Protein backbone atom coordinates (compact mmCIF):
# COMPACT_ATOMS: atom_id res chain seq x y z
CA MET A 1 126.70 96.72 94.19
CA VAL A 2 125.58 95.30 97.50
CA GLY A 3 121.97 96.12 98.28
CA PRO A 4 120.03 96.00 101.54
CA THR A 5 119.07 92.64 102.96
CA LEU A 6 115.46 91.85 102.17
CA VAL A 7 113.11 91.11 105.04
CA ARG A 8 110.93 88.04 104.77
CA THR A 9 107.33 88.66 105.64
CA PRO A 10 105.88 86.54 108.49
CA LEU A 11 103.62 83.74 107.30
CA LEU A 12 99.97 84.76 107.36
CA ALA A 13 97.09 82.51 108.25
CA GLN A 14 96.37 80.24 105.30
CA SER A 15 93.06 79.05 103.92
CA SER A 16 92.51 76.36 101.33
CA SER A 17 89.75 78.31 99.58
CA VAL A 18 87.63 81.43 99.80
CA ASP A 19 84.29 81.13 101.58
CA PHE A 20 82.07 82.86 99.05
CA ALA A 21 79.05 82.33 101.26
CA LYS A 22 80.28 85.09 103.55
CA GLU A 23 79.28 88.71 103.17
CA TYR A 24 82.94 89.71 103.29
CA SER A 25 86.27 88.12 104.12
CA SER A 26 90.04 88.43 103.65
CA GLY A 27 92.79 85.86 103.84
CA ASP A 28 95.53 83.95 102.09
CA VAL A 29 95.42 81.14 99.59
CA GLN A 30 98.55 79.15 98.72
CA VAL A 31 98.97 79.26 94.96
CA LEU A 32 102.61 78.35 94.32
CA PRO A 33 105.31 76.74 96.49
CA TYR A 34 106.62 80.14 97.54
CA SER A 35 103.73 82.47 96.71
CA GLN A 36 100.35 83.25 98.19
CA VAL A 37 97.55 85.50 97.09
CA TRP A 38 95.93 87.72 99.68
CA TYR A 39 92.29 88.28 98.78
CA THR A 40 89.31 90.35 99.78
CA TRP A 41 85.83 89.17 98.90
CA ILE A 42 82.61 91.21 99.25
CA SER A 43 79.06 90.12 98.41
CA ILE A 44 76.28 92.60 99.03
CA ASN A 45 72.87 93.18 97.39
CA GLY A 46 73.72 90.98 94.43
CA THR A 47 77.07 92.64 93.73
CA HIS A 48 80.37 90.77 93.96
CA THR A 49 83.82 92.31 94.39
CA ILE A 50 87.11 90.42 94.30
CA PHE A 51 90.55 91.84 95.10
CA LEU A 52 93.82 89.93 94.77
CA ALA A 53 97.37 90.83 95.78
CA LEU A 54 100.29 88.48 95.23
CA HIS A 55 103.02 88.08 97.84
CA SER A 56 105.61 85.61 99.09
CA THR A 57 106.61 84.38 102.51
CA GLN A 58 109.94 82.96 101.32
CA TYR A 59 111.25 85.57 98.90
CA PRO A 60 110.82 89.30 98.23
CA SER A 61 107.20 89.83 97.27
CA PRO A 62 106.18 90.74 93.72
CA VAL A 63 104.04 93.87 93.51
CA SER A 64 100.73 93.01 91.80
CA ALA A 65 97.10 93.83 92.49
CA PHE A 66 93.77 93.28 90.74
CA VAL A 67 90.19 94.35 91.53
CA GLY A 68 86.95 93.54 89.70
CA GLU A 69 83.19 93.94 90.20
CA SER A 70 80.24 91.97 88.88
CA TYR A 71 76.53 92.83 89.04
CA ASN A 72 73.31 93.20 87.04
CA THR A 73 72.31 96.43 85.31
CA SER A 74 68.82 97.91 85.17
CA SER A 75 68.38 96.60 81.63
CA GLY A 76 69.08 93.03 82.74
CA SER A 77 72.67 92.77 81.49
CA ARG A 78 75.19 90.96 83.62
CA VAL A 79 78.51 92.82 83.64
CA PHE A 80 82.03 92.30 84.96
CA VAL A 81 84.40 95.28 85.06
CA ALA A 82 87.97 95.17 86.32
CA ASN A 83 90.93 97.54 86.32
CA ALA A 84 94.60 96.66 86.42
CA ILE A 85 97.76 98.76 86.36
CA MET A 86 99.84 97.48 83.48
CA ALA A 87 102.77 99.91 83.65
CA ILE A 88 104.24 102.84 85.55
CA GLU A 89 105.51 105.42 83.08
CA VAL A 90 107.94 108.31 83.49
CA TYR A 91 107.71 111.04 80.88
CA ASN A 92 108.89 114.54 80.04
CA ASP A 93 105.81 116.72 79.57
CA THR A 94 107.47 118.89 76.95
CA ASP A 95 104.26 120.54 75.70
CA GLY A 96 102.87 121.16 79.20
CA ASN A 97 99.46 119.58 78.58
CA GLY A 98 99.85 117.15 81.49
CA ILE A 99 99.39 113.93 79.55
CA LEU A 100 101.92 111.52 78.11
CA ASP A 101 101.83 112.31 74.41
CA ALA A 102 102.88 109.33 72.34
CA ASN A 103 102.13 108.11 68.84
CA TYR A 104 104.46 105.36 67.79
CA ALA A 105 102.90 105.28 64.33
CA THR A 106 104.62 108.64 63.80
CA ALA A 107 107.65 107.75 65.95
CA GLN A 108 106.88 110.44 68.54
CA THR A 109 106.78 109.98 72.30
CA GLU A 110 107.39 111.86 75.54
CA LEU A 111 108.04 108.58 77.35
CA LEU A 112 111.49 108.18 78.87
CA TYR A 113 111.22 105.16 81.18
CA THR A 114 108.94 102.60 82.71
CA ILE A 115 109.37 101.69 86.36
CA VAL A 116 109.32 97.94 86.83
CA MET A 117 108.51 97.05 90.44
CA ASN A 118 110.68 93.98 90.80
CA ALA A 119 110.02 92.97 94.43
CA SER A 120 109.27 94.36 97.89
CA GLN A 121 110.93 93.73 101.22
CA THR A 122 107.67 93.66 103.18
CA PHE A 123 104.00 92.99 102.58
CA GLN A 124 101.37 94.29 105.00
CA PRO A 125 97.68 93.57 104.39
CA THR A 126 94.75 95.33 106.01
CA PRO A 127 91.85 92.83 106.19
CA VAL A 128 88.44 93.99 105.07
CA SER A 129 86.30 95.57 107.76
CA LYS A 130 82.75 96.85 107.74
CA THR A 131 81.78 100.16 109.25
CA SER A 132 78.73 102.44 109.03
CA VAL A 133 79.06 106.06 107.91
CA ASN A 134 75.83 108.07 108.07
CA GLY A 135 73.85 104.85 107.82
CA VAL A 136 75.80 103.55 104.81
CA SER A 137 77.94 100.42 105.11
CA HIS A 138 81.55 100.86 103.97
CA TYR A 139 83.92 97.96 103.35
CA ARG A 140 87.57 98.95 103.65
CA TRP A 141 90.75 97.00 102.99
CA GLY A 142 94.17 97.29 101.40
CA VAL A 143 97.78 96.18 101.14
CA THR A 144 101.14 97.93 101.47
CA TYR A 145 104.27 96.75 99.71
CA GLY A 146 107.22 98.22 101.60
CA SER A 147 110.73 99.08 100.35
CA VAL A 148 110.10 98.17 96.74
CA GLN A 149 113.16 97.34 94.64
CA ALA A 150 112.55 98.63 91.12
CA ILE A 151 114.24 99.03 87.76
CA LEU A 152 114.07 102.13 85.60
CA VAL A 153 113.90 100.74 82.05
CA LYS A 154 114.82 103.13 79.24
CA TYR A 155 112.76 103.64 76.12
CA SER A 156 114.96 102.40 73.31
CA ALA A 157 113.76 102.75 69.73
CA GLY A 158 114.35 99.59 67.77
CA ILE A 159 113.90 97.18 70.68
CA VAL A 160 110.58 95.38 70.35
CA GLY A 161 108.11 96.43 73.03
CA SER A 162 110.61 98.78 74.69
CA PRO A 163 110.27 99.62 77.49
CA TYR A 164 107.06 97.68 78.20
CA GLY A 165 108.36 94.28 77.25
CA GLY A 166 112.05 94.77 76.67
CA GLY A 167 114.82 97.31 76.94
CA LEU A 168 117.89 98.36 78.88
CA PRO A 169 118.03 99.54 82.49
CA GLY A 170 118.78 103.21 83.11
CA SER A 171 119.03 102.76 86.86
CA TYR A 172 117.89 100.73 89.78
CA ALA A 173 115.54 102.47 92.18
CA ASP A 174 114.01 102.16 95.63
CA ILE A 175 110.35 103.03 96.19
CA ASP A 176 109.61 103.66 99.85
CA HIS A 177 106.23 101.92 99.62
CA PHE A 178 103.29 101.28 97.31
CA THR A 179 99.89 101.11 99.00
CA PHE A 180 96.63 100.00 97.41
CA SER A 181 93.62 100.76 99.63
CA TYR A 182 89.91 100.61 98.91
CA ASP A 183 86.59 101.87 100.25
CA TYR A 184 83.55 100.09 98.81
CA SER A 185 79.95 101.13 99.51
CA VAL A 186 76.49 100.72 98.02
CA VAL A 187 74.03 103.62 97.97
CA GLY A 188 70.67 103.07 96.32
CA ASN A 189 71.33 101.48 92.95
CA ALA A 190 74.98 102.49 92.72
CA THR A 191 78.21 101.00 93.99
CA PHE A 192 81.13 103.27 94.84
CA LEU A 193 84.70 102.02 94.78
CA LYS A 194 87.25 104.56 95.94
CA THR A 195 90.68 103.31 94.95
CA SER A 196 93.55 104.94 96.82
CA TYR A 197 97.08 104.81 95.49
CA GLU A 198 99.94 105.96 97.67
CA ILE A 199 103.38 105.78 96.10
CA GLY A 200 106.31 106.69 98.32
CA ASN A 201 109.42 108.59 97.31
CA VAL A 202 111.34 107.05 94.40
CA THR A 203 115.11 107.19 94.84
CA LEU A 204 117.62 106.20 92.19
CA VAL A 205 120.37 103.90 93.44
CA PRO A 206 123.59 102.75 91.76
CA PRO A 207 124.30 101.50 89.24
CA THR A 208 122.88 104.45 87.33
CA ALA A 209 123.62 105.36 83.73
CA PRO A 210 124.94 108.88 83.11
CA ASN A 211 122.41 111.72 82.91
CA VAL A 212 119.55 109.65 84.36
CA THR A 213 117.43 111.75 86.70
CA LEU A 214 113.82 112.05 87.83
CA LYS A 215 113.93 115.80 88.46
CA GLY A 216 111.32 117.70 86.51
CA LEU A 217 109.72 114.55 85.12
CA SER A 218 106.08 113.39 85.31
CA LEU A 219 104.50 110.08 86.32
CA SER A 220 101.69 108.10 84.73
CA LEU A 221 99.85 104.92 85.75
CA LEU A 222 98.80 103.00 82.64
CA HIS A 223 95.57 101.05 83.18
CA PHE A 224 93.74 98.49 81.10
CA THR A 225 90.01 97.99 81.58
CA PHE A 226 88.84 94.37 81.46
CA ALA A 227 85.10 94.36 80.79
CA VAL A 228 82.49 91.94 79.54
CA SER A 229 78.70 92.06 79.39
CA SER A 230 76.03 89.54 78.53
CA THR A 231 74.65 92.00 75.95
CA GLY A 232 77.84 93.74 74.80
CA TYR A 233 79.09 97.16 75.87
CA ALA A 234 80.43 100.46 74.58
CA VAL A 235 82.67 103.20 76.01
CA ARG A 236 81.70 106.88 75.94
CA LEU A 237 83.93 109.83 76.88
CA ASN A 238 82.98 113.21 78.36
CA GLY A 239 79.26 112.72 77.74
CA SER A 240 79.67 112.08 74.02
CA SER A 241 77.14 109.96 72.15
CA THR A 242 79.95 108.52 70.01
CA ASP A 243 81.57 105.25 70.99
CA PHE A 244 85.28 105.24 71.84
CA ASP A 245 87.57 102.26 71.35
CA SER A 246 91.26 102.40 72.25
CA GLN A 247 91.93 99.76 69.61
CA THR A 248 90.63 101.85 66.69
CA SER A 249 91.13 105.44 67.86
CA GLN A 250 94.00 107.27 66.19
CA THR A 251 94.49 109.83 68.93
CA SER A 252 94.66 109.92 72.72
CA SER A 253 92.81 112.67 74.54
CA GLY A 254 92.36 114.15 77.99
CA ILE A 255 89.06 113.24 79.65
CA ASN A 256 87.01 114.07 82.75
CA VAL A 257 84.64 111.12 82.71
CA ALA A 258 84.38 107.76 80.96
CA GLN A 259 81.33 105.52 80.94
CA ILE A 260 80.62 101.93 80.06
CA THR A 261 77.16 101.54 78.60
CA VAL A 262 75.19 98.41 77.79
CA PRO A 263 72.06 98.36 75.62
CA GLY A 264 69.40 100.22 77.55
CA SER A 265 71.44 101.45 80.51
CA LEU A 266 74.56 103.00 81.99
CA ALA A 267 76.65 100.29 83.63
CA TYR A 268 79.88 101.86 84.94
CA GLU A 269 81.43 105.27 85.36
CA PHE A 270 85.03 106.40 85.77
CA ARG A 271 85.00 109.76 87.55
CA PHE A 272 88.13 111.39 86.20
CA ASN A 273 87.88 114.84 87.73
CA ASP A 274 89.88 115.24 90.91
CA ASN A 275 93.18 116.18 92.56
CA TYR A 276 96.20 114.25 93.78
CA THR A 277 98.46 115.08 96.68
CA LEU A 278 102.17 115.61 96.18
CA LEU A 279 103.69 114.49 99.49
CA THR A 280 106.05 117.41 99.96
CA ASN A 281 106.43 119.17 103.30
CA PRO A 282 103.81 120.56 103.54
CA PRO A 283 101.78 118.44 101.06
CA VAL A 284 100.43 120.14 97.93
CA SER A 285 97.13 119.39 96.17
CA LEU A 286 97.41 119.35 92.37
CA ARG A 287 95.15 118.46 89.48
CA ALA A 288 95.31 114.86 88.23
CA VAL A 289 95.12 114.51 84.46
CA TYR A 290 93.36 111.59 82.78
CA GLU A 291 93.87 110.36 79.26
CA ALA A 292 91.92 107.91 77.15
CA ALA A 293 94.76 106.22 75.31
CA ALA A 294 94.81 105.04 71.72
CA VAL A 295 96.59 101.76 71.18
CA ASN A 296 99.16 103.56 69.02
CA SER A 297 100.32 105.37 72.16
CA LEU A 298 102.01 102.06 73.01
CA PRO A 299 104.84 100.69 70.88
CA SER A 300 104.25 97.71 68.66
CA GLY A 301 104.83 94.57 70.71
CA ALA A 302 104.19 96.21 74.09
CA PHE A 303 103.78 93.51 76.77
CA GLN A 304 104.76 90.99 74.13
CA GLY A 305 108.54 91.00 74.37
CA GLN A 306 110.61 87.85 74.15
CA GLY A 307 109.14 85.24 76.48
CA ALA A 308 106.15 87.41 77.37
CA LEU A 309 103.68 86.68 74.59
CA ASP A 310 102.69 83.29 75.95
CA LEU A 311 102.97 84.31 79.59
CA ILE A 312 101.26 87.67 80.12
CA ARG A 313 97.71 86.44 79.72
CA VAL A 314 95.82 87.58 82.78
CA GLN A 315 92.66 87.70 80.73
CA ASP A 316 92.85 83.97 80.00
CA TYR A 317 92.79 83.11 83.69
CA VAL A 318 89.96 85.53 84.37
CA ARG A 319 87.93 84.37 81.42
CA ALA A 320 88.25 80.73 82.43
CA ALA A 321 86.48 81.49 85.72
CA LEU A 322 83.87 83.97 84.47
CA PRO A 323 81.01 81.44 84.83
CA SER A 324 81.83 81.21 88.52
CA ILE A 325 82.53 84.84 89.38
CA ALA A 326 80.02 86.62 87.16
CA GLY A 327 77.55 84.22 85.60
CA LEU A 328 79.11 84.97 82.22
CA PRO A 329 80.40 82.42 79.70
CA SER A 330 84.09 81.58 79.55
CA SER A 331 83.93 82.28 75.81
CA SER A 332 83.50 85.99 76.59
CA ASP A 333 86.04 88.37 75.06
CA LEU A 334 88.09 89.45 78.05
CA ASN A 335 91.45 90.25 76.54
CA TYR A 336 93.88 93.09 77.19
CA THR A 337 94.72 93.23 73.48
CA THR A 338 91.09 94.11 72.73
CA SER A 339 90.44 96.39 75.73
CA LYS A 340 88.15 99.21 74.60
CA LEU A 341 89.40 101.54 77.31
CA ILE A 342 93.10 101.92 77.95
CA TYR A 343 93.66 104.93 80.14
CA ARG A 344 96.38 106.80 81.97
CA ILE A 345 96.20 108.58 85.31
CA SER A 346 98.90 111.23 85.08
CA TYR A 347 100.68 113.30 87.71
CA PRO A 348 102.38 116.13 85.82
CA THR A 349 104.28 117.44 88.85
CA TRP A 350 106.25 114.58 90.36
CA GLY A 351 110.07 114.38 90.13
CA GLY A 352 110.27 111.24 92.27
CA ILE A 353 108.32 112.71 95.21
CA GLY A 354 105.65 110.58 96.87
CA ILE A 355 102.04 110.98 95.76
CA LYS A 356 98.59 109.98 96.98
CA HIS A 357 95.47 109.80 94.84
CA ASP A 358 91.89 108.54 95.31
CA PRO A 359 90.06 108.00 91.99
CA THR A 360 86.46 106.80 92.25
CA TYR A 361 84.63 104.22 90.14
CA VAL A 362 80.83 103.87 90.15
CA GLY A 363 78.76 100.86 89.10
CA TYR A 364 75.02 101.09 88.37
CA TYR A 365 73.12 97.94 89.22
CA VAL A 366 69.82 96.36 90.25
CA PRO A 367 69.86 94.65 93.67
CA ASN A 368 69.48 90.87 93.62
CA LEU A 369 68.31 90.72 90.01
CA LEU A 370 69.42 87.38 88.55
CA THR A 371 69.77 86.94 84.81
CA ILE A 372 70.98 83.35 84.95
CA SER A 373 68.42 80.61 85.35
CA THR A 374 70.45 78.56 87.79
CA PRO A 375 72.81 79.98 90.42
CA VAL A 376 76.38 79.32 89.36
CA PRO A 377 78.66 77.85 92.04
CA TRP A 378 81.49 80.17 93.03
CA ASP A 379 84.76 78.59 92.10
CA PRO A 380 87.68 79.28 94.47
CA MET A 381 90.05 78.40 91.62
CA ILE A 382 89.60 81.98 90.37
CA ILE A 383 92.07 82.88 93.08
CA VAL A 384 94.53 80.36 91.75
CA TYR A 385 94.00 81.37 88.11
CA LEU A 386 94.55 85.06 88.76
CA ALA A 387 97.35 84.70 91.23
CA VAL A 388 99.30 82.37 88.96
CA ALA A 389 98.92 84.93 86.19
CA LEU A 390 100.15 87.67 88.47
CA ALA A 391 103.02 85.49 89.57
CA VAL A 392 104.00 85.01 85.95
CA ILE A 393 103.92 88.76 85.36
CA ALA A 394 106.05 89.33 88.44
CA ALA A 395 108.57 86.81 87.15
CA ILE A 396 108.65 88.43 83.73
CA VAL A 397 109.68 91.82 85.06
CA VAL A 398 113.03 90.34 85.96
CA LEU A 399 113.44 89.17 82.36
CA ILE A 400 112.79 92.43 80.59
CA VAL A 401 116.33 93.68 80.95
CA ILE A 402 119.04 92.05 78.88
CA LYS A 403 120.60 88.91 80.25
CA GLY A 404 123.88 90.52 81.09
CA THR A 405 122.35 93.21 83.29
CA ARG A 406 119.50 91.43 85.01
CA ARG A 407 119.84 90.43 88.66
CA THR A 408 119.25 86.78 89.43
CA GLY A 409 118.85 86.90 93.20
CA THR A 410 117.94 89.29 95.94
CA PRO A 411 119.72 92.66 96.05
CA SER A 412 121.99 91.36 98.79
CA GLN A 413 123.17 88.62 96.44
CA ASN A 414 123.88 90.72 93.38
CA ASN A 415 126.54 92.90 91.91
CA ALA A 416 125.34 94.65 88.77
CA ALA A 417 126.67 97.21 86.31
CA LEU A 418 124.86 99.20 83.72
CA PRO A 419 125.80 99.31 80.07
CA PRO A 420 126.78 102.65 78.61
CA PRO A 421 123.78 104.79 77.59
């Protein structure tokens, strides 16, 4: 197969570090010989927000993004909360409940594929800008990865971590674009982060295994929450007074709201009660479905396939810089394998058609309340730590298919064939 020639993104203005003294800024930091991280930084009323997106000026850009917030709660706890998409899942909603039902302890799953976003032809950032809406300052920014080359990896029982850390390709695919855009504002003692996902049409391209199709299938974005607090934290679902922990729960369940609480106060809220837009002609508004996921809804060894265990460690890079970005010790437990809230945002009606969705996250804080005795210097190496981790993840996605089927260059350099199903 001969694929389209990939377009190299023009070199953006480079900076050697992030100026954390500024109220807000965007730019590039060189992190690897052929990779940069495009960042957005916002500091307002004692809150700090960092966004990172990896890209390359020499090769097709990996598709990776990360956003986190740090602030003080009304009870004096210092918190850091971040969200990251760990997988894009394609499933057959056989029972019609909207969510991806899976329990690998009982060998049952509706999952068919994961979509691995291998690389994009273009990378277009939108630098952060500040505007006033009804007297409230809004900070807006984003990135668009264009013409994303992806791999549809089949769920294969018996392959460790399949299809999250290993497996066989069912097809290659083209995603028209993947846009991450954000609107951040502070009103009273609450921060509002509207996170907009826009995923373009997904088209299967040869080589494709027999009977592989996206028609009638559903899409899910698997998220891990990375959170740490100076006084510990708990997760509550749908207003319950009972703590939830993805690591110990035996069942996944649909939810409308999730909250992170610290002793004495509410710290963070996931508002899971909204619609998404299916980008048909004309567009259609449909109900998004949210699921708090039990760890058994992922196969044993997920994200820990051959070569991945020692490499996929975003939390290690984040944790190393916590003293600088959040005034929290680097010994804090910030680990995806202990995440108390794994969740899925599901789009039951999909079939490969583009979607747009704007979930909102709310942080509850106290302006300019310091809980550390001495201001901690902001370390620009957080950009390097995180971006290197994201670069590693981007490299791993090429390795998750078996050696004989994986492409080793750009699509224009490869001829590939799929194994029989």
